[in-house]
Amino acid sequence: MIVLKAKVQLPIRLDRYLKNSYSDLTQGILQKALRLGWVKVNQKKCSTNLRLEDSDIISIEDDK
């Protein structure tokens, strides 16, 4: 499992934050991972349009 701590000054959408962190990640793969619960924010299932706040914890399952 990969755990990231969001470091943002202004709220930013989760999909944009992850695209900036992982440039080879496509929108389709990201949406599928979110839909299947492989990506969670603060231990909760979420959608791509979630706005990240500073110090939110992003968990990504890496064994899928």
C-alpha atoms as a PDB file:
ATOM      1  CA  MET A   1       0.000   0.000   0.000  1.00  0.00           C
ATOM      2  CA  ILE A   2       1.236   3.447  -0.895  1.00  0.00           C
ATOM      3  CA  VAL A   3       0.356   6.237   1.536  1.00  0.00           C
ATOM      4  CA  LEU A   4       0.652   9.908   0.581  1.00  0.00           C
ATOM      5  CA  LYS A   5       0.062  12.968   2.702  1.00  0.00           C
ATOM      6  CA  ALA A   6      -1.414  15.744   0.561  1.00  0.00           C
ATOM      7  CA  LYS A   7       0.567  18.962   0.671  1.00  0.00           C
ATOM      8  CA  VAL A   8      -1.583  21.629  -0.955  1.00  0.00           C
ATOM      9  CA  GLN A   9      -2.060  25.306  -0.285  1.00  0.00           C
ATOM     10  CA  LEU A  10      -5.486  25.518  -1.930  1.00  0.00           C
ATOM     11  CA  PRO A  11      -8.075  22.745  -2.275  1.00  0.00           C
ATOM     12  CA  ILE A  12      -7.367  20.705  -5.416  1.00  0.00           C
ATOM     13  CA  ARG A  13      -9.341  17.909  -7.032  1.00  0.00           C
ATOM     14  CA  LEU A  14      -8.082  14.406  -6.238  1.00  0.00           C
ATOM     15  CA  ASP A  15      -7.706  13.447  -9.904  1.00  0.00           C
ATOM     16  CA  ARG A  16      -5.564  16.508 -10.651  1.00  0.00           C
ATOM     17  CA  TYR A  17      -3.382  15.894  -7.604  1.00  0.00           C
ATOM     18  CA  LEU A  18      -2.751  12.277  -8.579  1.00  0.00           C
ATOM     19  CA  LYS A  19      -2.111  13.209 -12.233  1.00  0.00           C
ATOM     20  CA  ASN A  20       0.547  15.687 -11.049  1.00  0.00           C
ATOM     21  CA  SER A  21       2.099  13.061  -8.756  1.00  0.00           C
ATOM     22  CA  TYR A  22       1.974  10.208 -11.306  1.00  0.00           C
ATOM     23  CA  SER A  23       2.268  11.593 -14.831  1.00  0.00           C
ATOM     24  CA  ASP A  24       1.809   8.189 -16.536  1.00  0.00           C
ATOM     25  CA  LEU A  25      -1.576   7.637 -14.856  1.00  0.00           C
ATOM     26  CA  THR A  26      -4.525   7.901 -17.254  1.00  0.00           C
ATOM     27  CA  GLN A  27      -7.942   9.272 -16.312  1.00  0.00           C
ATOM     28  CA  GLY A  28      -9.581   5.917 -17.087  1.00  0.00           C
ATOM     29  CA  ILE A  29      -7.256   3.962 -14.813  1.00  0.00           C
ATOM     30  CA  LEU A  30      -7.720   6.526 -12.063  1.00  0.00           C
ATOM     31  CA  GLN A  31     -11.532   6.399 -12.290  1.00  0.00           C
ATOM     32  CA  LYS A  32     -11.516   2.585 -12.254  1.00  0.00           C
ATOM     33  CA  ALA A  33      -9.237   2.504  -9.201  1.00  0.00           C
ATOM     34  CA  LEU A  34     -11.500   4.949  -7.366  1.00  0.00           C
ATOM     35  CA  ARG A  35     -14.660   3.070  -8.358  1.00  0.00           C
ATOM     36  CA  LEU A  36     -13.216  -0.237  -7.102  1.00  0.00           C
ATOM     37  CA  GLY A  37     -12.042   1.333  -3.829  1.00  0.00           C
ATOM     38  CA  TRP A  38      -8.316   0.971  -4.521  1.00  0.00           C
ATOM     39  CA  VAL A  39      -7.771   4.670  -3.729  1.00  0.00           C
ATOM     40  CA  LYS A  40      -9.062   6.086  -0.455  1.00  0.00           C
ATOM     41  CA  VAL A  41      -8.776   9.476   1.211  1.00  0.00           C
ATOM     42  CA  ASN A  42      -8.736   9.501   4.998  1.00  0.00           C
ATOM     43  CA  GLN A  43      -9.654   5.782   4.890  1.00  0.00           C
ATOM     44  CA  LYS A  44     -12.883   6.469   2.953  1.00  0.00           C
ATOM     45  CA  LYS A  45     -13.877   5.547  -0.586  1.00  0.00           C
ATOM     46  CA  CYS A  46     -14.089   8.679  -2.729  1.00  0.00           C
ATOM     47  CA  SER A  47     -14.688  10.039  -6.241  1.00  0.00           C
ATOM     48  CA  THR A  48     -12.428  11.918  -8.646  1.00  0.00           C
ATOM     49  CA  ASN A  49     -14.007  15.291  -7.898  1.00  0.00           C
ATOM     50  CA  LEU A  50     -13.182  15.206  -4.174  1.00  0.00           C
ATOM     51  CA  ARG A  51     -11.318  18.350  -3.120  1.00  0.00           C
ATOM     52  CA  LEU A  52      -8.166  17.560  -1.169  1.00  0.00           C
ATOM     53  CA  GLU A  53      -7.287  19.703   1.797  1.00  0.00           C
ATOM     54  CA  ASP A  54      -3.816  20.079   3.301  1.00  0.00           C
ATOM     55  CA  SER A  55      -2.725  16.985   5.265  1.00  0.00           C
ATOM     56  CA  ASP A  56      -5.375  14.628   3.828  1.00  0.00           C
ATOM     57  CA  ILE A  57      -4.081  11.040   3.754  1.00  0.00           C
ATOM     58  CA  ILE A  58      -4.311   9.227   0.397  1.00  0.00           C
ATOM     59  CA  SER A  59      -4.019   5.428   0.452  1.00  0.00           C
ATOM     60  CA  ILE A  60      -3.406   3.529  -2.809  1.00  0.00           C
ATOM     61  CA  GLU A  61      -3.519  -0.269  -3.060  1.00  0.00           C
ATOM     62  CA  ASP A  62      -0.466  -1.276  -5.087  1.00  0.00           C
ATOM     63  CA  ASP A  63      -0.980  -5.045  -5.263  1.00  0.00           C
ATOM     64  CA  LYS A  64      -3.994  -4.922  -7.618  1.00  0.00           C
END
